[in-house]
Amino acid sequence: MTPAQLAEYVTEFIGECQARVMGVGAEQYSQGEQQKFETMPLLDLIQYAREEAQDLAVYAAMVDIRLQRLETALRASGN
């Protein structure tokens, strides 16, 4: 993968992030001219952010489990 190809992937990835902000994110968090996070009490925002960070860790573990299984299968097949 060239740097240009990686940059293109990053652009597409960010595009998907933007689509989430404009789609499900707007449905859940838009309050017209502002976003819910802009006015929610800081302690609520901290709790929400911590929960999201924990979710990221869980997703990372899920991906690692699948990668481990893939690695085991590839090793078994001689790749």
Protein backbone atom coordinates (compact mmCIF):
# COMPACT_ATOMS: atom_id res chain seq x y z
CA MET A 1 0.00 0.00 0.00
CA THR A 2 1.40 3.35 -1.00
CA PRO A 3 1.09 6.46 1.14
CA ALA A 4 -1.46 7.77 -1.37
CA GLN A 5 -3.54 4.61 -1.07
CA LEU A 6 -3.42 4.81 2.71
CA ALA A 7 -4.42 8.48 2.57
CA GLU A 8 -7.36 7.55 0.31
CA TYR A 9 -8.46 4.89 2.78
CA VAL A 10 -8.26 7.41 5.63
CA THR A 11 -10.36 9.83 3.57
CA GLU A 12 -13.01 7.15 3.00
CA PHE A 13 -12.93 6.16 6.68
CA ILE A 14 -13.44 9.76 7.79
CA GLY A 15 -16.24 10.03 5.25
CA GLU A 16 -17.98 7.13 6.97
CA CYS A 17 -17.48 8.91 10.31
CA GLN A 18 -19.04 12.05 8.86
CA ALA A 19 -21.99 10.02 7.56
CA ARG A 20 -22.56 8.69 11.07
CA VAL A 21 -22.52 12.23 12.49
CA MET A 22 -25.05 13.35 9.90
CA GLY A 23 -27.20 10.20 10.21
CA VAL A 24 -27.61 8.32 13.47
CA GLY A 25 -25.58 10.93 15.34
CA ALA A 26 -27.90 13.71 14.24
CA GLU A 27 -30.92 11.63 15.22
CA GLN A 28 -29.53 10.98 18.69
CA TYR A 29 -27.59 14.14 19.54
CA SER A 30 -28.63 17.10 17.41
CA GLN A 31 -30.55 19.82 19.20
CA GLY A 32 -30.97 22.14 16.25
CA GLU A 33 -28.10 24.61 16.27
CA GLN A 34 -26.08 22.69 18.85
CA GLN A 35 -25.17 19.16 19.82
CA LYS A 36 -26.24 17.47 23.02
CA PHE A 37 -22.64 17.24 24.24
CA GLU A 38 -22.30 21.03 24.14
CA THR A 39 -24.80 21.60 26.93
CA MET A 40 -24.89 18.37 28.91
CA PRO A 41 -23.50 18.56 32.43
CA LEU A 42 -19.77 17.83 32.46
CA LEU A 43 -20.16 14.86 34.78
CA ASP A 44 -22.66 13.32 32.34
CA LEU A 45 -20.28 13.97 29.44
CA ILE A 46 -17.40 12.37 31.35
CA GLN A 47 -19.51 9.31 32.14
CA TYR A 48 -20.65 9.03 28.52
CA ALA A 49 -17.07 9.39 27.21
CA ARG A 50 -15.80 6.76 29.64
CA GLU A 51 -18.51 4.35 28.52
CA GLU A 52 -17.54 4.95 24.89
CA ALA A 53 -13.88 4.34 25.74
CA GLN A 54 -14.84 1.08 27.41
CA ASP A 55 -16.83 0.10 24.31
CA LEU A 56 -13.74 0.77 22.19
CA ALA A 57 -11.73 -1.57 24.40
CA VAL A 58 -14.36 -4.29 24.05
CA TYR A 59 -14.39 -3.91 20.25
CA ALA A 60 -10.59 -4.09 20.25
CA ALA A 61 -10.77 -7.35 22.22
CA MET A 62 -13.36 -8.73 19.77
CA VAL A 63 -11.13 -7.90 16.82
CA ASP A 64 -8.15 -9.45 18.60
CA ILE A 65 -10.09 -12.68 19.17
CA ARG A 66 -10.95 -12.88 15.47
CA LEU A 67 -7.36 -12.07 14.48
CA GLN A 68 -6.06 -14.76 16.80
CA ARG A 69 -8.41 -17.32 15.22
CA LEU A 70 -7.38 -16.21 11.74
CA GLU A 71 -3.71 -16.43 12.67
CA THR A 72 -4.20 -19.94 14.06
CA ALA A 73 -6.02 -21.03 10.89
CA LEU A 74 -3.35 -19.55 8.65
CA ARG A 75 -0.57 -21.22 10.61
CA ALA A 76 -2.41 -24.55 10.41
CA SER A 77 -2.73 -24.20 6.64
CA GLY A 78 0.99 -23.44 6.30
CA ASN A 79 0.73 -19.78 5.35
